[in-house]
Amino acid sequence: LAFCSLMLADEQVISCDLLRAEAVSVFCKLCRRGVMNREEAQECFVDSVAYVDKYYSIQELQDEVLSESIRLDHSSYDMFYFVLARRFGATLFTLDRKLIRLCEEQGVQCVAILENGEF
């Protein structure tokens, strides 16, 4: 939710289908750890994936992701988001330090929340 404050008015949020799977995984873990119950997890999942205006199929990205993941020696999971941001000239919002470094090295605009809470 902190990232929402950084978005420009009327800015479109895009992502790949992988985000849905990752969100399911996160909320399942939180539920298993007792941080939230099943109903809360379901509600949070629905709310979180609703922030995205348009989802792109990982099939549309997979060939380029495979190539770039090998070329840049980086996680294929991260590369789905990286490739999508690069294709659209979009700003990538992430907390992943390795992905932030990759974006900086490759000229892909990204926004991150630093440990001290700054953006």
PDB file of N, CA and C in Angstrom:
ATOM      1  N   LEU A   1       0.805  -1.198   0.000  1.00  0.00           N
ATOM      2  CA  LEU A   1       0.000   0.000   0.000  1.00  0.00           C
ATOM      3  C   LEU A   1       0.850   1.264   0.000  1.00  0.00           C
ATOM      4  N   ALA A   2       2.050   1.180   0.535  1.00  0.00           N
ATOM      5  CA  ALA A   2       2.928   2.347   0.529  1.00  0.00           C
ATOM      6  C   ALA A   2       3.223   2.794  -0.893  1.00  0.00           C
ATOM      7  N   PHE A   3       3.310   1.844  -1.802  1.00  0.00           N
ATOM      8  CA  PHE A   3       3.586   2.191  -3.195  1.00  0.00           C
ATOM      9  C   PHE A   3       2.442   2.986  -3.812  1.00  0.00           C
ATOM     10  N   CYS A   4       1.227   2.771  -3.355  1.00  0.00           N
ATOM     11  CA  CYS A   4       0.076   3.484  -3.913  1.00  0.00           C
ATOM     12  C   CYS A   4       0.246   4.990  -3.783  1.00  0.00           C
ATOM     13  N   SER A   5       0.885   5.434  -2.716  1.00  0.00           N
ATOM     14  CA  SER A   5       1.089   6.866  -2.514  1.00  0.00           C
ATOM     15  C   SER A   5       2.059   7.450  -3.536  1.00  0.00           C
ATOM     16  N   LEU A   6       2.832   6.608  -4.191  1.00  0.00           N
ATOM     17  CA  LEU A   6       3.805   7.075  -5.181  1.00  0.00           C
ATOM     18  C   LEU A   6       3.238   7.141  -6.591  1.00  0.00           C
ATOM     19  N   MET A   7       2.074   6.574  -6.782  1.00  0.00           N
ATOM     20  CA  MET A   7       1.494   6.533  -8.124  1.00  0.00           C
ATOM     21  C   MET A   7       0.963   7.904  -8.522  1.00  0.00           C
ATOM     22  N   LEU A   8       1.078   8.213  -9.794  1.00  0.00           N
ATOM     23  CA  LEU A   8       0.522   9.445 -10.320  1.00  0.00           C
ATOM     24  C   LEU A   8      -0.974   9.272 -10.504  1.00  0.00           C
ATOM     25  N   ALA A   9      -1.703  10.364 -10.459  1.00  0.00           N
ATOM     26  CA  ALA A   9      -3.149  10.307 -10.665  1.00  0.00           C
ATOM     27  C   ALA A   9      -3.445   9.714 -12.034  1.00  0.00           C
ATOM     28  N   ASP A  10      -4.413   8.847 -12.094  1.00  0.00           N
ATOM     29  CA  ASP A  10      -4.854   8.201 -13.337  1.00  0.00           C
ATOM     30  C   ASP A  10      -3.781   7.340 -13.991  1.00  0.00           C
ATOM     31  N   GLU A  11      -2.766   6.959 -13.252  1.00  0.00           N
ATOM     32  CA  GLU A  11      -1.721   6.096 -13.785  1.00  0.00           C
ATOM     33  C   GLU A  11      -2.237   4.661 -13.834  1.00  0.00           C
ATOM     34  N   GLN A  12      -1.970   3.976 -14.938  1.00  0.00           N
ATOM     35  CA  GLN A  12      -2.420   2.598 -15.087  1.00  0.00           C
ATOM     36  C   GLN A  12      -1.391   1.649 -14.481  1.00  0.00           C
ATOM     37  N   VAL A  13      -1.880   0.649 -13.761  1.00  0.00           N
ATOM     38  CA  VAL A  13      -1.018  -0.366 -13.162  1.00  0.00           C
ATOM     39  C   VAL A  13      -1.098  -1.617 -14.022  1.00  0.00           C
ATOM     40  N   ILE A  14       0.068  -2.099 -14.477  1.00  0.00           N
ATOM     41  CA  ILE A  14       0.119  -3.320 -15.277  1.00  0.00           C
ATOM     42  C   ILE A  14       0.985  -4.347 -14.560  1.00  0.00           C
ATOM     43  N   SER A  15       0.720  -5.604 -14.847  1.00  0.00           N
ATOM     44  CA  SER A  15       1.532  -6.683 -14.293  1.00  0.00           C
ATOM     45  C   SER A  15       1.324  -7.914 -15.155  1.00  0.00           C
ATOM     46  N   CYS A  16       2.066  -8.951 -14.840  1.00  0.00           N
ATOM     47  CA  CYS A  16       1.861 -10.231 -15.509  1.00  0.00           C
ATOM     48  C   CYS A  16       1.072 -11.150 -14.581  1.00  0.00           C
ATOM     49  N   ASP A  17       0.529 -12.214 -15.156  1.00  0.00           N
ATOM     50  CA  ASP A  17      -0.269 -13.183 -14.393  1.00  0.00           C
ATOM     51  C   ASP A  17       0.469 -13.756 -13.195  1.00  0.00           C
ATOM     52  N   LEU A  18       1.771 -13.767 -13.256  1.00  0.00           N
ATOM     53  CA  LEU A  18       2.575 -14.325 -12.175  1.00  0.00           C
ATOM     54  C   LEU A  18       2.262 -13.655 -10.836  1.00  0.00           C
ATOM     55  N   LEU A  19       1.881 -12.392 -10.868  1.00  0.00           N
ATOM     56  CA  LEU A  19       1.566 -11.670  -9.638  1.00  0.00           C
ATOM     57  C   LEU A  19       0.456 -12.362  -8.857  1.00  0.00           C
ATOM     58  N   ARG A  20      -0.529 -12.882  -9.553  1.00  0.00           N
ATOM     59  CA  ARG A  20      -1.641 -13.570  -8.875  1.00  0.00           C
ATOM     60  C   ARG A  20      -1.125 -14.780  -8.091  1.00  0.00           C
ATOM     61  N   ALA A  21      -0.260 -15.570  -8.724  1.00  0.00           N
ATOM     62  CA  ALA A  21       0.295 -16.757  -8.058  1.00  0.00           C
ATOM     63  C   ALA A  21       1.143 -16.351  -6.857  1.00  0.00           C
ATOM     64  N   GLU A  22       1.924 -15.298  -7.016  1.00  0.00           N
ATOM     65  CA  GLU A  22       2.762 -14.848  -5.910  1.00  0.00           C
ATOM     66  C   GLU A  22       1.915 -14.310  -4.756  1.00  0.00           C
ATOM     67  N   ALA A  23       0.831 -13.621  -5.079  1.00  0.00           N
ATOM     68  CA  ALA A  23      -0.061 -13.111  -4.033  1.00  0.00           C
ATOM     69  C   ALA A  23      -0.736 -14.259  -3.287  1.00  0.00           C
ATOM     70  N   VAL A  24      -1.174 -15.286  -4.021  1.00  0.00           N
ATOM     71  CA  VAL A  24      -1.763 -16.463  -3.375  1.00  0.00           C
ATOM     72  C   VAL A  24      -0.764 -17.058  -2.389  1.00  0.00           C
ATOM     73  N   SER A  25       0.471 -17.206  -2.813  1.00  0.00           N
ATOM     74  CA  SER A  25       1.510 -17.788  -1.966  1.00  0.00           C
ATOM     75  C   SER A  25       1.719 -16.970  -0.693  1.00  0.00           C
ATOM     76  N   VAL A  26       1.789 -15.662  -0.827  1.00  0.00           N
ATOM     77  CA  VAL A  26       2.005 -14.784   0.325  1.00  0.00           C
ATOM     78  C   VAL A  26       0.864 -14.913   1.329  1.00  0.00           C
ATOM     79  N   PHE A  27      -0.374 -14.849   0.840  1.00  0.00           N
ATOM     80  CA  PHE A  27      -1.503 -14.878   1.766  1.00  0.00           C
ATOM     81  C   PHE A  27      -1.711 -16.260   2.376  1.00  0.00           C
ATOM     82  N   CYS A  28      -1.353 -17.309   1.668  1.00  0.00           N
ATOM     83  CA  CYS A  28      -1.381 -18.656   2.264  1.00  0.00           C
ATOM     84  C   CYS A  28      -0.386 -18.749   3.416  1.00  0.00           C
ATOM     85  N   LYS A  29       0.817 -18.221   3.203  1.00  0.00           N
ATOM     86  CA  LYS A  29       1.840 -18.247   4.260  1.00  0.00           C
ATOM     87  C   LYS A  29       1.395 -17.443   5.477  1.00  0.00           C
ATOM     88  N   LEU A  30       0.815 -16.285   5.247  1.00  0.00           N
ATOM     89  CA  LEU A  30       0.345 -15.458   6.358  1.00  0.00           C
ATOM     90  C   LEU A  30      -0.767 -16.158   7.136  1.00  0.00           C
ATOM     91  N   CYS A  31      -1.608 -16.862   6.427  1.00  0.00           N
ATOM     92  CA  CYS A  31      -2.690 -17.612   7.064  1.00  0.00           C
ATOM     93  C   CYS A  31      -2.120 -18.770   7.886  1.00  0.00           C
ATOM     94  N   ARG A  32      -1.181 -19.511   7.310  1.00  0.00           N
ATOM     95  CA  ARG A  32      -0.561 -20.641   8.019  1.00  0.00           C
ATOM     96  C   ARG A  32       0.165 -20.196   9.287  1.00  0.00           C
ATOM     97  N   ARG A  33       0.753 -19.013   9.238  1.00  0.00           N
ATOM     98  CA  ARG A  33       1.493 -18.485  10.396  1.00  0.00           C
ATOM     99  C   ARG A  33       0.572 -17.868  11.449  1.00  0.00           C
ATOM    100  N   GLY A  34      -0.709 -17.821  11.149  1.00  0.00           N
ATOM    101  CA  GLY A  34      -1.664 -17.270  12.106  1.00  0.00           C
ATOM    102  C   GLY A  34      -1.752 -15.757  12.104  1.00  0.00           C
ATOM    103  N   VAL A  35      -1.164 -15.119  11.098  1.00  0.00           N
ATOM    104  CA  VAL A  35      -1.208 -13.661  10.995  1.00  0.00           C
ATOM    105  C   VAL A  35      -2.614 -13.198  10.619  1.00  0.00           C
ATOM    106  N   MET A  36      -3.310 -14.018   9.851  1.00  0.00           N
ATOM    107  CA  MET A  36      -4.687 -13.721   9.449  1.00  0.00           C
ATOM    108  C   MET A  36      -5.435 -15.030   9.272  1.00  0.00           C
ATOM    109  N   ASN A  37      -6.757 -14.938   9.306  1.00  0.00           N
ATOM    110  CA  ASN A  37      -7.553 -16.142   9.080  1.00  0.00           C
ATOM    111  C   ASN A  37      -7.856 -16.291   7.587  1.00  0.00           C
ATOM    112  N   ARG A  38      -8.521 -17.371   7.239  1.00  0.00           N
ATOM    113  CA  ARG A  38      -8.791 -17.677   5.835  1.00  0.00           C
ATOM    114  C   ARG A  38      -9.597 -16.572   5.149  1.00  0.00           C
ATOM    115  N   GLU A  39     -10.608 -16.065   5.819  1.00  0.00           N
ATOM    116  CA  GLU A  39     -11.456 -15.024   5.223  1.00  0.00           C
ATOM    117  C   GLU A  39     -10.664 -13.739   4.990  1.00  0.00           C
ATOM    118  N   GLU A  40      -9.827 -13.380   5.955  1.00  0.00           N
ATOM    119  CA  GLU A  40      -8.990 -12.187   5.797  1.00  0.00           C
ATOM    120  C   GLU A  40      -7.995 -12.370   4.654  1.00  0.00           C
ATOM    121  N   ALA A  41      -7.423 -13.548   4.565  1.00  0.00           N
ATOM    122  CA  ALA A  41      -6.474 -13.835   3.484  1.00  0.00           C
ATOM    123  C   ALA A  41      -7.157 -13.714   2.130  1.00  0.00           C
ATOM    124  N   GLN A  42      -8.353 -14.271   2.022  1.00  0.00           N
ATOM    125  CA  GLN A  42      -9.098 -14.202   0.762  1.00  0.00           C
ATOM    126  C   GLN A  42      -9.416 -12.753   0.404  1.00  0.00           C
ATOM    127  N   GLU A  43      -9.857 -11.989   1.388  1.00  0.00           N
ATOM    128  CA  GLU A  43     -10.206 -10.590   1.149  1.00  0.00           C
ATOM    129  C   GLU A  43      -8.973  -9.777   0.738  1.00  0.00           C
ATOM    130  N   CYS A  44      -7.871  -9.992   1.432  1.00  0.00           N
ATOM    131  CA  CYS A  44      -6.630  -9.279   1.094  1.00  0.00           C
ATOM    132  C   CYS A  44      -6.129  -9.656  -0.291  1.00  0.00           C
ATOM    133  N   PHE A  45      -6.254 -10.929  -0.636  1.00  0.00           N
ATOM    134  CA  PHE A  45      -5.849 -11.364  -1.974  1.00  0.00           C
ATOM    135  C   PHE A  45      -6.670 -10.642  -3.036  1.00  0.00           C
ATOM    136  N   VAL A  46      -7.985 -10.661  -2.879  1.00  0.00           N
ATOM    137  CA  VAL A  46      -8.873 -10.017  -3.856  1.00  0.00           C
ATOM    138  C   VAL A  46      -8.538  -8.533  -3.972  1.00  0.00           C
ATOM    139  N   ASP A  47      -8.343  -7.873  -2.836  1.00  0.00           N
ATOM    140  CA  ASP A  47      -8.006  -6.444  -2.853  1.00  0.00           C
ATOM    141  C   ASP A  47      -6.668  -6.185  -3.536  1.00  0.00           C
ATOM    142  N   SER A  48      -5.679  -7.018  -3.248  1.00  0.00           N
ATOM    143  CA  SER A  48      -4.337  -6.773  -3.794  1.00  0.00           C
ATOM    144  C   SER A  48      -4.285  -6.960  -5.304  1.00  0.00           C
ATOM    145  N   VAL A  49      -4.929  -7.982  -5.827  1.00  0.00           N
ATOM    146  CA  VAL A  49      -4.880  -8.183  -7.282  1.00  0.00           C
ATOM    147  C   VAL A  49      -5.773  -7.188  -8.019  1.00  0.00           C
ATOM    148  N   ALA A  50      -6.699  -6.562  -7.297  1.00  0.00           N
ATOM    149  CA  ALA A  50      -7.576  -5.563  -7.917  1.00  0.00           C
ATOM    150  C   ALA A  50      -6.849  -4.249  -8.194  1.00  0.00           C
ATOM    151  N   TYR A  51      -5.685  -4.033  -7.588  1.00  0.00           N
ATOM    152  CA  TYR A  51      -4.908  -2.822  -7.867  1.00  0.00           C
ATOM    153  C   TYR A  51      -4.410  -2.785  -9.308  1.00  0.00           C
ATOM    154  N   VAL A  52      -4.292  -3.931  -9.919  1.00  0.00           N
ATOM    155  CA  VAL A  52      -3.762  -4.017 -11.283  1.00  0.00           C
ATOM    156  C   VAL A  52      -4.890  -3.767 -12.281  1.00  0.00           C
ATOM    157  N   ASP A  53      -4.645  -2.820 -13.195  1.00  0.00           N
ATOM    158  CA  ASP A  53      -5.640  -2.490 -14.215  1.00  0.00           C
ATOM    159  C   ASP A  53      -5.621  -3.471 -15.377  1.00  0.00           C
ATOM    160  N   LYS A  54      -4.423  -3.952 -15.731  1.00  0.00           N
ATOM    161  CA  LYS A  54      -4.308  -4.865 -16.872  1.00  0.00           C
ATOM    162  C   LYS A  54      -3.231  -5.897 -16.581  1.00  0.00           C
ATOM    163  N   TYR A  55      -3.612  -7.152 -16.760  1.00  0.00           N
ATOM    164  CA  TYR A  55      -2.673  -8.264 -16.609  1.00  0.00           C
ATOM    165  C   TYR A  55      -2.234  -8.744 -17.986  1.00  0.00           C
ATOM    166  N   TYR A  56      -0.954  -9.056 -18.112  1.00  0.00           N
ATOM    167  CA  TYR A  56      -0.407  -9.627 -19.337  1.00  0.00           C
ATOM    168  C   TYR A  56      -0.051 -11.077 -19.073  1.00  0.00           C
ATOM    169  N   SER A  57      -0.332 -11.903 -20.039  1.00  0.00           N
ATOM    170  CA  SER A  57      -0.056 -13.332 -19.928  1.00  0.00           C
ATOM    171  C   SER A  57       1.448 -13.575 -19.901  1.00  0.00           C
ATOM    172  N   ILE A  58       1.870 -14.508 -19.060  1.00  0.00           N
ATOM    173  CA  ILE A  58       3.295 -14.831 -19.044  1.00  0.00           C
ATOM    174  C   ILE A  58       3.715 -15.456 -20.371  1.00  0.00           C
ATOM    175  N   GLN A  59       2.759 -16.024 -21.104  1.00  0.00           N
ATOM    176  CA  GLN A  59       3.078 -16.579 -22.429  1.00  0.00           C
ATOM    177  C   GLN A  59       3.546 -15.493 -23.385  1.00  0.00           C
ATOM    178  N   GLU A  60       3.008 -14.289 -23.230  1.00  0.00           N
ATOM    179  CA  GLU A  60       3.411 -13.169 -24.084  1.00  0.00           C
ATOM    180  C   GLU A  60       4.847 -12.733 -23.804  1.00  0.00           C
ATOM    181  N   LEU A  61       5.349 -13.068 -22.642  1.00  0.00           N
ATOM    182  CA  LEU A  61       6.646 -12.576 -22.190  1.00  0.00           C
ATOM    183  C   LEU A  61       7.725 -13.646 -22.127  1.00  0.00           C
ATOM    184  N   GLN A  62       7.324 -14.916 -22.139  1.00  0.00           N
ATOM    185  CA  GLN A  62       8.237 -16.009 -21.777  1.00  0.00           C
ATOM    186  C   GLN A  62       9.487 -16.124 -22.640  1.00  0.00           C
ATOM    187  N   ASP A  63       9.387 -15.912 -23.934  1.00  0.00           N
ATOM    188  CA  ASP A  63      10.578 -16.046 -24.782  1.00  0.00           C
ATOM    189  C   ASP A  63      11.628 -14.990 -24.437  1.00  0.00           C
ATOM    190  N   GLU A  64      11.167 -13.754 -24.300  1.00  0.00           N
ATOM    191  CA  GLU A  64      12.087 -12.667 -23.953  1.00  0.00           C
ATOM    192  C   GLU A  64      12.623 -12.847 -22.529  1.00  0.00           C
ATOM    193  N   VAL A  65      11.773 -13.313 -21.627  1.00  0.00           N
ATOM    194  CA  VAL A  65      12.198 -13.551 -20.246  1.00  0.00           C
ATOM    195  C   VAL A  65      13.279 -14.621 -20.196  1.00  0.00           C
ATOM    196  N   LEU A  66      13.097 -15.696 -20.921  1.00  0.00           N
ATOM    197  CA  LEU A  66      14.103 -16.764 -20.950  1.00  0.00           C
ATOM    198  C   LEU A  66      15.439 -16.218 -21.437  1.00  0.00           C
ATOM    199  N   SER A  67      15.394 -15.503 -22.543  1.00  0.00           N
ATOM    200  CA  SER A  67      16.610 -14.945 -23.123  1.00  0.00           C
ATOM    201  C   SER A  67      17.297 -13.967 -22.171  1.00  0.00           C
ATOM    202  N   GLU A  68      16.528 -13.056 -21.599  1.00  0.00           N
ATOM    203  CA  GLU A  68      17.105 -12.033 -20.726  1.00  0.00           C
ATOM    204  C   GLU A  68      17.548 -12.602 -19.381  1.00  0.00           C
ATOM    205  N   SER A  69      16.844 -13.587 -18.892  1.00  0.00           N
ATOM    206  CA  SER A  69      17.238 -14.216 -17.634  1.00  0.00           C
ATOM    207  C   SER A  69      18.604 -14.882 -17.774  1.00  0.00           C
ATOM    208  N   ILE A  70      18.815 -15.526 -18.901  1.00  0.00           N
ATOM    209  CA  ILE A  70      20.112 -16.159 -19.171  1.00  0.00           C
ATOM    210  C   ILE A  70      21.185 -15.089 -19.394  1.00  0.00           C
ATOM    211  N   ARG A  71      20.877 -14.111 -20.239  1.00  0.00           N
ATOM    212  CA  ARG A  71      21.846 -13.066 -20.576  1.00  0.00           C
ATOM    213  C   ARG A  71      22.271 -12.256 -19.355  1.00  0.00           C
ATOM    214  N   LEU A  72      21.311 -11.914 -18.510  1.00  0.00           N
ATOM    215  CA  LEU A  72      21.591 -11.049 -17.367  1.00  0.00           C
ATOM    216  C   LEU A  72      21.841 -11.821 -16.074  1.00  0.00           C
ATOM    217  N   ASP A  73      21.771 -13.158 -16.163  1.00  0.00           N
ATOM    218  CA  ASP A  73      22.005 -14.022 -15.002  1.00  0.00           C
ATOM    219  C   ASP A  73      21.150 -13.588 -13.808  1.00  0.00           C
ATOM    220  N   HIS A  74      19.844 -13.535 -14.055  1.00  0.00           N
ATOM    221  CA  HIS A  74      18.912 -13.074 -13.029  1.00  0.00           C
ATOM    222  C   HIS A  74      17.695 -13.990 -12.991  1.00  0.00           C
ATOM    223  N   SER A  75      17.045 -14.041 -11.845  1.00  0.00           N
ATOM    224  CA  SER A  75      15.862 -14.876 -11.629  1.00  0.00           C
ATOM    225  C   SER A  75      14.804 -14.660 -12.711  1.00  0.00           C
ATOM    226  N   SER A  76      14.310 -15.748 -13.255  1.00  0.00           N
ATOM    227  CA  SER A  76      13.276 -15.637 -14.284  1.00  0.00           C
ATOM    228  C   SER A  76      11.993 -15.034 -13.712  1.00  0.00           C
ATOM    229  N   TYR A  77      11.700 -15.297 -12.451  1.00  0.00           N
ATOM    230  CA  TYR A  77      10.500 -14.709 -11.845  1.00  0.00           C
ATOM    231  C   TYR A  77      10.576 -13.186 -11.888  1.00  0.00           C
ATOM    232  N   ASP A  78      11.683 -12.620 -11.460  1.00  0.00           N
ATOM    233  CA  ASP A  78      11.869 -11.168 -11.505  1.00  0.00           C
ATOM    234  C   ASP A  78      11.840 -10.644 -12.931  1.00  0.00           C
ATOM    235  N   MET A  79      12.383 -11.422 -13.843  1.00  0.00           N
ATOM    236  CA  MET A  79      12.494 -10.961 -15.229  1.00  0.00           C
ATOM    237  C   MET A  79      11.136 -10.747 -15.886  1.00  0.00           C
ATOM    238  N   PHE A  80      10.103 -11.450 -15.444  1.00  0.00           N
ATOM    239  CA  PHE A  80       8.768 -11.195 -16.003  1.00  0.00           C
ATOM    240  C   PHE A  80       8.362  -9.748 -15.743  1.00  0.00           C
ATOM    241  N   TYR A  81       8.602  -9.265 -14.544  1.00  0.00           N
ATOM    242  CA  TYR A  81       8.259  -7.884 -14.197  1.00  0.00           C
ATOM    243  C   TYR A  81       9.200  -6.896 -14.884  1.00  0.00           C
ATOM    244  N   PHE A  82      10.472  -7.235 -14.927  1.00  0.00           N
ATOM    245  CA  PHE A  82      11.482  -6.393 -15.566  1.00  0.00           C
ATOM    246  C   PHE A  82      11.179  -6.211 -17.057  1.00  0.00           C
ATOM    247  N   VAL A  83      10.945  -7.316 -17.750  1.00  0.00           N
ATOM    248  CA  VAL A  83      10.670  -7.271 -19.193  1.00  0.00           C
ATOM    249  C   VAL A  83       9.395  -6.479 -19.473  1.00  0.00           C
ATOM    250  N   LEU A  84       8.376  -6.684 -18.675  1.00  0.00           N
ATOM    251  CA  LEU A  84       7.119  -5.954 -18.871  1.00  0.00           C
ATOM    252  C   LEU A  84       7.332  -4.452 -18.688  1.00  0.00           C
ATOM    253  N   ALA A  85       8.043  -4.072 -17.644  1.00  0.00           N
ATOM    254  CA  ALA A  85       8.323  -2.650 -17.411  1.00  0.00           C
ATOM    255  C   ALA A  85       9.137  -2.062 -18.557  1.00  0.00           C
ATOM    256  N   ARG A  86      10.127  -2.787 -19.011  1.00  0.00           N
ATOM    257  CA  ARG A  86      10.971  -2.297 -20.100  1.00  0.00           C
ATOM    258  C   ARG A  86      10.168  -2.151 -21.391  1.00  0.00           C
ATOM    259  N   ARG A  87       9.339  -3.124 -21.702  1.00  0.00           N
ATOM    260  CA  ARG A  87       8.530  -3.065 -22.931  1.00  0.00           C
ATOM    261  C   ARG A  87       7.639  -1.837 -22.985  1.00  0.00           C
ATOM    262  N   PHE A  88       7.090  -1.471 -21.847  1.00  0.00           N
ATOM    263  CA  PHE A  88       6.128  -0.376 -21.817  1.00  0.00           C
ATOM    264  C   PHE A  88       6.727   0.938 -21.333  1.00  0.00           C
ATOM    265  N   GLY A  89       8.021   0.949 -21.058  1.00  0.00           N
ATOM    266  CA  GLY A  89       8.640   2.164 -20.534  1.00  0.00           C
ATOM    267  C   GLY A  89       8.014   2.543 -19.199  1.00  0.00           C
ATOM    268  N   ALA A  90       7.634   1.529 -18.443  1.00  0.00           N
ATOM    269  CA  ALA A  90       6.929   1.734 -17.175  1.00  0.00           C
ATOM    270  C   ALA A  90       7.915   1.808 -16.016  1.00  0.00           C
ATOM    271  N   THR A  91       7.434   2.287 -14.907  1.00  0.00           N
ATOM    272  CA  THR A  91       8.215   2.305 -13.673  1.00  0.00           C
ATOM    273  C   THR A  91       7.904   1.040 -12.894  1.00  0.00           C
ATOM    274  N   LEU A  92       8.934   0.313 -12.537  1.00  0.00           N
ATOM    275  CA  LEU A  92       8.789  -0.932 -11.778  1.00  0.00           C
ATOM    276  C   LEU A  92       8.834  -0.609 -10.289  1.00  0.00           C
ATOM    277  N   PHE A  93       7.823  -1.042  -9.557  1.00  0.00           N
ATOM    278  CA  PHE A  93       7.779  -0.860  -8.109  1.00  0.00           C
ATOM    279  C   PHE A  93       8.217  -2.170  -7.477  1.00  0.00           C
ATOM    280  N   THR A  94       9.264  -2.134  -6.653  1.00  0.00           N
ATOM    281  CA  THR A  94       9.784  -3.365  -6.055  1.00  0.00           C
ATOM    282  C   THR A  94      10.478  -3.086  -4.729  1.00  0.00           C
ATOM    283  N   LEU A  95      10.570  -4.126  -3.924  1.00  0.00           N
ATOM    284  CA  LEU A  95      11.346  -4.079  -2.685  1.00  0.00           C
ATOM    285  C   LEU A  95      12.587  -4.951  -2.794  1.00  0.00           C
ATOM    286  N   ASP A  96      12.740  -5.636  -3.914  1.00  0.00           N
ATOM    287  CA  ASP A  96      13.822  -6.595  -4.118  1.00  0.00           C
ATOM    288  C   ASP A  96      15.118  -5.872  -4.503  1.00  0.00           C
ATOM    289  N   ARG A  97      16.125  -5.981  -3.651  1.00  0.00           N
ATOM    290  CA  ARG A  97      17.387  -5.249  -3.881  1.00  0.00           C
ATOM    291  C   ARG A  97      18.101  -5.663  -5.160  1.00  0.00           C
ATOM    292  N   LYS A  98      18.109  -6.966  -5.428  1.00  0.00           N
ATOM    293  CA  LYS A  98      18.775  -7.431  -6.648  1.00  0.00           C
ATOM    294  C   LYS A  98      18.074  -6.892  -7.888  1.00  0.00           C
ATOM    295  N   LEU A  99      16.752  -6.864  -7.845  1.00  0.00           N
ATOM    296  CA  LEU A  99      15.980  -6.350  -8.974  1.00  0.00           C
ATOM    297  C   LEU A  99      16.173  -4.843  -9.119  1.00  0.00           C
ATOM    298  N   ILE A 100      16.271  -4.143  -8.022  1.00  0.00           N
ATOM    299  CA  ILE A 100      16.542  -2.700  -8.066  1.00  0.00           C
ATOM    300  C   ILE A 100      17.882  -2.451  -8.752  1.00  0.00           C
ATOM    301  N   ARG A 101      18.905  -3.205  -8.349  1.00  0.00           N
ATOM    302  CA  ARG A 101      20.235  -3.067  -8.970  1.00  0.00           C
ATOM    303  C   ARG A 101      20.179  -3.347 -10.465  1.00  0.00           C
ATOM    304  N   LEU A 102      19.471  -4.407 -10.839  1.00  0.00           N
ATOM    305  CA  LEU A 102      19.356  -4.756 -12.252  1.00  0.00           C
ATOM    306  C   LEU A 102      18.690  -3.623 -13.030  1.00  0.00           C
ATOM    307  N   CYS A 103      17.616  -3.078 -12.489  1.00  0.00           N
ATOM    308  CA  CYS A 103      16.936  -1.965 -13.156  1.00  0.00           C
ATOM    309  C   CYS A 103      17.874  -0.779 -13.331  1.00  0.00           C
ATOM    310  N   GLU A 104      18.615  -0.457 -12.298  1.00  0.00           N
ATOM    311  CA  GLU A 104      19.563   0.658 -12.382  1.00  0.00           C
ATOM    312  C   GLU A 104      20.624   0.398 -13.438  1.00  0.00           C
ATOM    313  N   GLU A 105      21.155  -0.814 -13.473  1.00  0.00           N
ATOM    314  CA  GLU A 105      22.194  -1.173 -14.442  1.00  0.00           C
ATOM    315  C   GLU A 105      21.673  -1.174 -15.874  1.00  0.00           C
ATOM    316  N   GLN A 106      20.417  -1.543 -16.063  1.00  0.00           N
ATOM    317  CA  GLN A 106      19.858  -1.706 -17.405  1.00  0.00           C
ATOM    318  C   GLN A 106      19.000  -0.523 -17.854  1.00  0.00           C
ATOM    319  N   GLY A 107      18.909   0.505 -17.041  1.00  0.00           N
ATOM    320  CA  GLY A 107      18.169   1.706 -17.431  1.00  0.00           C
ATOM    321  C   GLY A 107      16.658   1.565 -17.388  1.00  0.00           C
ATOM    322  N   VAL A 108      16.162   0.663 -16.560  1.00  0.00           N
ATOM    323  CA  VAL A 108      14.716   0.526 -16.369  1.00  0.00           C
ATOM    324  C   VAL A 108      14.362   1.303 -15.112  1.00  0.00           C
ATOM    325  N   GLN A 109      13.418   2.213 -15.256  1.00  0.00           N
ATOM    326  CA  GLN A 109      13.038   3.050 -14.128  1.00  0.00           C
ATOM    327  C   GLN A 109      12.366   2.203 -13.048  1.00  0.00           C
ATOM    328  N   CYS A 110      12.774   2.408 -11.799  1.00  0.00           N
ATOM    329  CA  CYS A 110      12.139   1.672 -10.705  1.00  0.00           C
ATOM    330  C   CYS A 110      12.014   2.563  -9.479  1.00  0.00           C
ATOM    331  N   VAL A 111      11.077   2.192  -8.633  1.00  0.00           N
ATOM    332  CA  VAL A 111      10.859   2.872  -7.367  1.00  0.00           C
ATOM    333  C   VAL A 111      10.937   1.818  -6.294  1.00  0.00           C
ATOM    334  N   ALA A 112      11.628   2.144  -5.217  1.00  0.00           N
ATOM    335  CA  ALA A 112      11.782   1.199  -4.116  1.00  0.00           C
ATOM    336  C   ALA A 112      11.631   1.935  -2.800  1.00  0.00           C
ATOM    337  N   ILE A 113      11.229   1.206  -1.785  1.00  0.00           N
ATOM    338  CA  ILE A 113      11.196   1.750  -0.438  1.00  0.00           C
ATOM    339  C   ILE A 113      12.464   1.274   0.258  1.00  0.00           C
ATOM    340  N   LEU A 114      13.276   2.217   0.704  1.00  0.00           N
ATOM    341  CA  LEU A 114      14.528   1.884   1.367  1.00  0.00           C
ATOM    342  C   LEU A 114      14.270   1.482   2.813  1.00  0.00           C
ATOM    343  N   GLU A 115      15.256   0.885   3.432  1.00  0.00           N
ATOM    344  CA  GLU A 115      15.108   0.409   4.809  1.00  0.00           C
ATOM    345  C   GLU A 115      14.724   1.520   5.778  1.00  0.00           C
ATOM    346  N   ASN A 116      15.158   2.740   5.505  1.00  0.00           N
ATOM    347  CA  ASN A 116      14.826   3.856   6.395  1.00  0.00           C
ATOM    348  C   ASN A 116      13.450   4.442   6.094  1.00  0.00           C
ATOM    349  N   GLY A 117      12.712   3.808   5.177  1.00  0.00           N
ATOM    350  CA  GLY A 117      11.362   4.256   4.849  1.00  0.00           C
ATOM    351  C   GLY A 117      11.292   5.270   3.729  1.00  0.00           C
ATOM    352  N   GLU A 118      12.447   5.698   3.227  1.00  0.00           N
ATOM    353  CA  GLU A 118      12.461   6.658   2.122  1.00  0.00           C
ATOM    354  C   GLU A 118      12.252   5.938   0.803  1.00  0.00           C
ATOM    355  N   PHE A 119      11.822   6.704  -0.202  1.00  0.00           N
ATOM    356  CA  PHE A 119      11.579   6.154  -1.534  1.00  0.00           C
ATOM    357  C   PHE A 119      12.743   6.452  -2.442  1.00  0.00           C
TER     358      PHE A 119
END
